[in-house]
Amino acid sequence: MKVAFAGVFADRSRTGYARGCRSRATSWHGGEQEVLARLGDVDVLVSMAFTREMATAAPRLRLVQVPGAGLDRVDREALGPETALANAYGHDVGIAEYVVGAMLALARSFCRLDASLRQGRWESVWSGAPVPLWSELAGKTRRIVGYGADRPRRWPRRALAFDMEVMAIRRDASRPDPHRLAYLRGPRRSTTC
């Protein structure tokens, strides 16, 4: 079996693969044409993207492994009937922490403050300069669509720690909610066309 890692992000997972498998593995960095030229004898492709051109160039392909959560750069229609598609899990804590950090950065204008500080200006209510009031996360509402998976369940604890209100929608709203969200419902089904 030949395994190929296409792209810089995919290549980062190659080290872990090399420890656990004995199959031949190759790695490519380069443009799409370079990748296409090398797919002829590949059985497993680890890549963030998959196109119709890649499917045509890889007749032996049996698995496309995306080393991330999203499948937005994968043309699923291009996958052959014998080719499986998989993505990665286990990064939900990091994503939850990133989102909380991004919410804090936006609420507190960290980008604007950083840019001012790098230009030698200290923006503070104590500096005498007119500074916009900082927003707070407390009292804001965090909405989650698709609360059933493990990943979205990481959000409530973090949001509740900032005194945010959490509202969520999931397929089965009858299951118990350990976080006691402010709002938890299932999808509304329309009876009209």
C-alpha atoms as a PDB file:
ATOM      1  CA  MET A   1       0.000   0.000   0.000  1.00  0.00           C
ATOM      2  CA  LYS A   2       1.325   3.444  -0.903  1.00  0.00           C
ATOM      3  CA  VAL A   3       0.387   6.425   1.258  1.00  0.00           C
ATOM      4  CA  ALA A   4       0.938   9.994   0.061  1.00  0.00           C
ATOM      5  CA  PHE A   5       0.886  13.209   2.071  1.00  0.00           C
ATOM      6  CA  ALA A   6       0.104  16.177  -0.181  1.00  0.00           C
ATOM      7  CA  GLY A   7       0.761  19.645   1.176  1.00  0.00           C
ATOM      8  CA  VAL A   8       2.492  21.193   4.165  1.00  0.00           C
ATOM      9  CA  PHE A   9      -0.369  20.685   6.633  1.00  0.00           C
ATOM     10  CA  ALA A  10      -0.813  17.020   5.685  1.00  0.00           C
ATOM     11  CA  ASP A  11       2.940  16.430   5.959  1.00  0.00           C
ATOM     12  CA  ARG A  12       2.864  17.423   9.634  1.00  0.00           C
ATOM     13  CA  SER A  13       0.931  14.233  10.391  1.00  0.00           C
ATOM     14  CA  ARG A  14       3.483  12.074   8.577  1.00  0.00           C
ATOM     15  CA  THR A  15       5.746  11.698  11.630  1.00  0.00           C
ATOM     16  CA  GLY A  16       2.996  10.033  13.650  1.00  0.00           C
ATOM     17  CA  TYR A  17       2.126   7.815  10.704  1.00  0.00           C
ATOM     18  CA  ALA A  18       5.734   6.708  10.255  1.00  0.00           C
ATOM     19  CA  ARG A  19       5.886   5.458  13.854  1.00  0.00           C
ATOM     20  CA  GLY A  20       2.758   3.327  13.572  1.00  0.00           C
ATOM     21  CA  CYS A  21       2.769   1.924  10.016  1.00  0.00           C
ATOM     22  CA  ARG A  22       5.064  -0.011   7.761  1.00  0.00           C
ATOM     23  CA  SER A  23       3.565   1.041   4.435  1.00  0.00           C
ATOM     24  CA  ARG A  24       5.568   3.186   2.072  1.00  0.00           C
ATOM     25  CA  ALA A  25       4.839   6.860   2.530  1.00  0.00           C
ATOM     26  CA  THR A  26       5.799   9.762   0.348  1.00  0.00           C
ATOM     27  CA  SER A  27       5.323  13.445   0.857  1.00  0.00           C
ATOM     28  CA  TRP A  28       4.967  16.272  -1.639  1.00  0.00           C
ATOM     29  CA  HIS A  29       5.048  20.004  -1.372  1.00  0.00           C
ATOM     30  CA  GLY A  30       4.227  21.931  -4.461  1.00  0.00           C
ATOM     31  CA  GLY A  31       1.532  22.976  -6.821  1.00  0.00           C
ATOM     32  CA  GLU A  32      -1.460  21.025  -7.971  1.00  0.00           C
ATOM     33  CA  GLN A  33       0.236  19.842 -11.168  1.00  0.00           C
ATOM     34  CA  GLU A  34       3.068  18.245  -9.190  1.00  0.00           C
ATOM     35  CA  VAL A  35       0.594  16.411  -6.963  1.00  0.00           C
ATOM     36  CA  LEU A  36      -1.467  15.249  -9.955  1.00  0.00           C
ATOM     37  CA  ALA A  37       1.615  13.824 -11.658  1.00  0.00           C
ATOM     38  CA  ARG A  38       2.386  11.604  -8.652  1.00  0.00           C
ATOM     39  CA  LEU A  39      -1.027  10.151  -7.791  1.00  0.00           C
ATOM     40  CA  GLY A  40      -1.026   7.234 -10.264  1.00  0.00           C
ATOM     41  CA  ASP A  41       0.058   4.514  -7.813  1.00  0.00           C
ATOM     42  CA  VAL A  42      -1.277   6.010  -4.547  1.00  0.00           C
ATOM     43  CA  ASP A  43      -3.707   3.982  -2.405  1.00  0.00           C
ATOM     44  CA  VAL A  44      -4.190   6.478   0.450  1.00  0.00           C
ATOM     45  CA  LEU A  45      -4.012  10.255   0.089  1.00  0.00           C
ATOM     46  CA  VAL A  46      -3.648  12.525   3.123  1.00  0.00           C
ATOM     47  CA  SER A  47      -4.582  15.996   1.958  1.00  0.00           C
ATOM     48  CA  MET A  48      -6.647  19.035   2.911  1.00  0.00           C
ATOM     49  CA  ALA A  49      -8.164  19.113  -0.603  1.00  0.00           C
ATOM     50  CA  PHE A  50      -9.446  16.671  -3.191  1.00  0.00           C
ATOM     51  CA  THR A  51     -10.567  17.588  -6.701  1.00  0.00           C
ATOM     52  CA  ARG A  52     -11.993  15.821  -9.778  1.00  0.00           C
ATOM     53  CA  GLU A  53      -8.574  16.113 -11.396  1.00  0.00           C
ATOM     54  CA  MET A  54      -7.019  14.305  -8.434  1.00  0.00           C
ATOM     55  CA  ALA A  55      -9.635  11.536  -8.671  1.00  0.00           C
ATOM     56  CA  THR A  56      -8.849  11.043 -12.354  1.00  0.00           C
ATOM     57  CA  ALA A  57      -5.106  10.962 -11.657  1.00  0.00           C
ATOM     58  CA  ALA A  58      -5.467   8.386  -8.832  1.00  0.00           C
ATOM     59  CA  PRO A  59      -7.223   5.257 -10.150  1.00  0.00           C
ATOM     60  CA  ARG A  60      -5.967   3.061  -7.255  1.00  0.00           C
ATOM     61  CA  LEU A  61      -7.112   5.457  -4.513  1.00  0.00           C
ATOM     62  CA  ARG A  62      -9.085   3.799  -1.687  1.00  0.00           C
ATOM     63  CA  LEU A  63      -8.983   6.458   1.054  1.00  0.00           C
ATOM     64  CA  VAL A  64      -8.788  10.237   1.228  1.00  0.00           C
ATOM     65  CA  GLN A  65      -7.824  11.257   4.767  1.00  0.00           C
ATOM     66  CA  VAL A  66      -8.277  14.932   5.610  1.00  0.00           C
ATOM     67  CA  PRO A  67      -5.976  15.845   8.538  1.00  0.00           C
ATOM     68  CA  GLY A  68      -8.429  18.473   9.794  1.00  0.00           C
ATOM     69  CA  ALA A  69     -12.088  18.773  10.738  1.00  0.00           C
ATOM     70  CA  GLY A  70     -13.497  20.436   7.630  1.00  0.00           C
ATOM     71  CA  LEU A  71     -14.318  18.845   4.319  1.00  0.00           C
ATOM     72  CA  ASP A  72     -15.044  22.088   2.506  1.00  0.00           C
ATOM     73  CA  ARG A  73     -12.147  21.673   0.070  1.00  0.00           C
ATOM     74  CA  VAL A  74     -13.110  18.102  -0.833  1.00  0.00           C
ATOM     75  CA  ASP A  75     -15.226  17.465  -3.917  1.00  0.00           C
ATOM     76  CA  ARG A  76     -17.221  14.514  -2.579  1.00  0.00           C
ATOM     77  CA  GLU A  77     -18.860  13.952  -5.941  1.00  0.00           C
ATOM     78  CA  ALA A  78     -15.394  13.178  -7.347  1.00  0.00           C
ATOM     79  CA  LEU A  79     -14.803  10.278  -4.938  1.00  0.00           C
ATOM     80  CA  GLY A  80     -15.120   6.899  -6.583  1.00  0.00           C
ATOM     81  CA  PRO A  81     -17.521   4.288  -5.189  1.00  0.00           C
ATOM     82  CA  GLU A  82     -14.593   2.345  -3.693  1.00  0.00           C
ATOM     83  CA  THR A  83     -12.925   5.421  -2.141  1.00  0.00           C
ATOM     84  CA  ALA A  84     -13.621   6.243   1.498  1.00  0.00           C
ATOM     85  CA  LEU A  85     -13.391   9.745   2.972  1.00  0.00           C
ATOM     86  CA  ALA A  86     -12.365  10.487   6.565  1.00  0.00           C
ATOM     87  CA  ASN A  87     -11.459  13.570   8.561  1.00  0.00           C
ATOM     88  CA  ALA A  88      -9.782  14.097  11.941  1.00  0.00           C
ATOM     89  CA  TYR A  89     -11.114  14.637  15.433  1.00  0.00           C
ATOM     90  CA  GLY A  90      -9.504  15.377  18.765  1.00  0.00           C
ATOM     91  CA  HIS A  91      -8.807  19.069  18.276  1.00  0.00           C
ATOM     92  CA  ASP A  92     -12.036  20.317  19.805  1.00  0.00           C
ATOM     93  CA  VAL A  93     -10.408  21.754  22.944  1.00  0.00           C
ATOM     94  CA  GLY A  94      -7.995  23.812  20.868  1.00  0.00           C
ATOM     95  CA  ILE A  95     -10.794  25.116  18.662  1.00  0.00           C
ATOM     96  CA  ALA A  96     -12.933  26.020  21.683  1.00  0.00           C
ATOM     97  CA  GLU A  97     -10.022  27.896  23.256  1.00  0.00           C
ATOM     98  CA  TYR A  98      -9.277  29.681  19.986  1.00  0.00           C
ATOM     99  CA  VAL A  99     -12.887  30.852  19.664  1.00  0.00           C
ATOM    100  CA  VAL A 100     -12.933  32.158  23.244  1.00  0.00           C
ATOM    101  CA  GLY A 101      -9.653  33.960  22.545  1.00  0.00           C
ATOM    102  CA  ALA A 102     -11.085  35.458  19.354  1.00  0.00           C
ATOM    103  CA  MET A 103     -14.206  36.604  21.211  1.00  0.00           C
ATOM    104  CA  LEU A 104     -12.030  38.274  23.846  1.00  0.00           C
ATOM    105  CA  ALA A 105      -9.815  39.881  21.203  1.00  0.00           C
ATOM    106  CA  LEU A 106     -12.838  41.320  19.412  1.00  0.00           C
ATOM    107  CA  ALA A 107     -14.638  42.442  22.565  1.00  0.00           C
ATOM    108  CA  ARG A 108     -11.528  44.144  23.961  1.00  0.00           C
ATOM    109  CA  SER A 109     -10.192  45.517  20.636  1.00  0.00           C
ATOM    110  CA  PHE A 110      -6.842  43.779  21.088  1.00  0.00           C
ATOM    111  CA  CYS A 111      -5.883  44.236  17.415  1.00  0.00           C
ATOM    112  CA  ARG A 112      -6.484  47.992  17.516  1.00  0.00           C
ATOM    113  CA  LEU A 113      -4.684  48.329  20.854  1.00  0.00           C
ATOM    114  CA  ASP A 114      -1.742  46.263  19.623  1.00  0.00           C
ATOM    115  CA  ALA A 115      -1.416  48.389  16.480  1.00  0.00           C
ATOM    116  CA  SER A 116      -1.503  51.603  18.545  1.00  0.00           C
ATOM    117  CA  LEU A 117       1.091  50.300  20.984  1.00  0.00           C
ATOM    118  CA  ARG A 118       3.414  49.300  18.134  1.00  0.00           C
ATOM    119  CA  GLN A 119       3.171  52.892  16.870  1.00  0.00           C
ATOM    120  CA  GLY A 120       4.143  54.203  20.304  1.00  0.00           C
ATOM    121  CA  ARG A 121       0.654  55.193  21.477  1.00  0.00           C
ATOM    122  CA  TRP A 122      -0.755  53.845  24.726  1.00  0.00           C
ATOM    123  CA  GLU A 123      -4.546  53.864  24.543  1.00  0.00           C
ATOM    124  CA  SER A 124      -6.010  53.791  28.011  1.00  0.00           C
ATOM    125  CA  VAL A 125      -8.701  55.592  29.950  1.00  0.00           C
ATOM    126  CA  TRP A 126      -5.833  56.815  32.146  1.00  0.00           C
ATOM    127  CA  SER A 127      -3.818  58.263  29.242  1.00  0.00           C
ATOM    128  CA  GLY A 128      -6.234  61.130  28.688  1.00  0.00           C
ATOM    129  CA  ALA A 129      -6.935  60.095  25.091  1.00  0.00           C
ATOM    130  CA  PRO A 130     -10.560  59.433  24.128  1.00  0.00           C
ATOM    131  CA  VAL A 131     -10.856  55.657  24.134  1.00  0.00           C
ATOM    132  CA  PRO A 132     -13.984  53.677  23.232  1.00  0.00           C
ATOM    133  CA  LEU A 133     -15.449  51.702  26.107  1.00  0.00           C
ATOM    134  CA  TRP A 134     -14.552  48.038  26.125  1.00  0.00           C
ATOM    135  CA  SER A 135     -17.260  45.539  25.535  1.00  0.00           C
ATOM    136  CA  GLU A 136     -17.603  42.593  27.908  1.00  0.00           C
ATOM    137  CA  LEU A 137     -18.487  38.996  27.173  1.00  0.00           C
ATOM    138  CA  ALA A 138     -20.617  38.858  30.322  1.00  0.00           C
ATOM    139  CA  GLY A 139     -24.261  39.170  29.394  1.00  0.00           C
ATOM    140  CA  LYS A 140     -23.657  38.323  25.715  1.00  0.00           C
ATOM    141  CA  THR A 141     -25.394  35.352  24.094  1.00  0.00           C
ATOM    142  CA  ARG A 142     -23.505  32.445  22.517  1.00  0.00           C
ATOM    143  CA  ARG A 143     -25.566  30.417  20.035  1.00  0.00           C
ATOM    144  CA  ILE A 144     -24.663  26.877  19.039  1.00  0.00           C
ATOM    145  CA  VAL A 145     -26.195  25.061  16.083  1.00  0.00           C
ATOM    146  CA  GLY A 146     -25.499  21.331  16.141  1.00  0.00           C
ATOM    147  CA  TYR A 147     -25.034  20.886  19.888  1.00  0.00           C
ATOM    148  CA  GLY A 148     -25.144  17.073  19.691  1.00  0.00           C
ATOM    149  CA  ALA A 149     -21.501  16.387  18.793  1.00  0.00           C
ATOM    150  CA  ASP A 150     -18.705  16.356  21.375  1.00  0.00           C
ATOM    151  CA  ARG A 151     -17.021  19.450  19.985  1.00  0.00           C
ATOM    152  CA  PRO A 152     -19.912  21.898  20.495  1.00  0.00           C
ATOM    153  CA  ARG A 153     -20.342  20.635  24.050  1.00  0.00           C
ATOM    154  CA  ARG A 154     -16.962  22.179  24.901  1.00  0.00           C
ATOM    155  CA  TRP A 155     -18.368  25.692  24.354  1.00  0.00           C
ATOM    156  CA  PRO A 156     -20.893  25.998  27.186  1.00  0.00           C
ATOM    157  CA  ARG A 157     -18.406  25.573  30.023  1.00  0.00           C
ATOM    158  CA  ARG A 158     -16.139  28.218  28.554  1.00  0.00           C
ATOM    159  CA  ALA A 159     -18.967  30.622  27.730  1.00  0.00           C
ATOM    160  CA  LEU A 160     -20.638  30.131  31.111  1.00  0.00           C
ATOM    161  CA  ALA A 161     -17.297  30.896  32.800  1.00  0.00           C
ATOM    162  CA  PHE A 162     -17.575  34.373  31.247  1.00  0.00           C
ATOM    163  CA  ASP A 163     -21.203  34.734  32.428  1.00  0.00           C
ATOM    164  CA  MET A 164     -22.503  34.412  28.893  1.00  0.00           C
ATOM    165  CA  GLU A 165     -25.937  33.067  28.072  1.00  0.00           C
ATOM    166  CA  VAL A 166     -25.841  29.938  25.903  1.00  0.00           C
ATOM    167  CA  MET A 167     -28.574  28.920  23.482  1.00  0.00           C
ATOM    168  CA  ALA A 168     -28.358  25.740  21.409  1.00  0.00           C
ATOM    169  CA  ILE A 169     -30.173  23.678  18.830  1.00  0.00           C
ATOM    170  CA  ARG A 170     -29.671  19.965  18.389  1.00  0.00           C
ATOM    171  CA  ARG A 171     -31.465  17.159  16.607  1.00  0.00           C
ATOM    172  CA  ASP A 172     -32.750  15.497  19.801  1.00  0.00           C
ATOM    173  CA  ALA A 173     -33.659  18.106  22.411  1.00  0.00           C
ATOM    174  CA  SER A 174     -35.200  15.502  24.736  1.00  0.00           C
ATOM    175  CA  ARG A 175     -31.798  14.248  25.950  1.00  0.00           C
ATOM    176  CA  PRO A 176     -30.667  15.746  29.270  1.00  0.00           C
ATOM    177  CA  ASP A 177     -28.485  18.841  29.178  1.00  0.00           C
ATOM    178  CA  PRO A 178     -25.631  18.788  31.724  1.00  0.00           C
ATOM    179  CA  HIS A 179     -24.908  22.511  31.299  1.00  0.00           C
ATOM    180  CA  ARG A 180     -28.422  23.831  31.989  1.00  0.00           C
ATOM    181  CA  LEU A 181     -28.428  26.074  28.943  1.00  0.00           C
ATOM    182  CA  ALA A 182     -30.721  29.079  28.714  1.00  0.00           C
ATOM    183  CA  TYR A 183     -32.298  27.615  25.582  1.00  0.00           C
ATOM    184  CA  LEU A 184     -32.111  24.108  24.106  1.00  0.00           C
ATOM    185  CA  ARG A 185     -34.475  23.041  21.376  1.00  0.00           C
ATOM    186  CA  GLY A 186     -34.664  20.768  18.372  1.00  0.00           C
ATOM    187  CA  PRO A 187     -35.137  21.910  14.809  1.00  0.00           C
ATOM    188  CA  ARG A 188     -38.550  23.288  13.975  1.00  0.00           C
ATOM    189  CA  ARG A 189     -40.189  21.101  11.366  1.00  0.00           C
ATOM    190  CA  SER A 190     -42.388  22.848   8.864  1.00  0.00           C
ATOM    191  CA  THR A 191     -45.599  21.124   7.788  1.00  0.00           C
ATOM    192  CA  THR A 192     -45.900  23.267   4.677  1.00  0.00           C
ATOM    193  CA  CYS A 193     -43.937  22.984   1.455  1.00  0.00           C
END
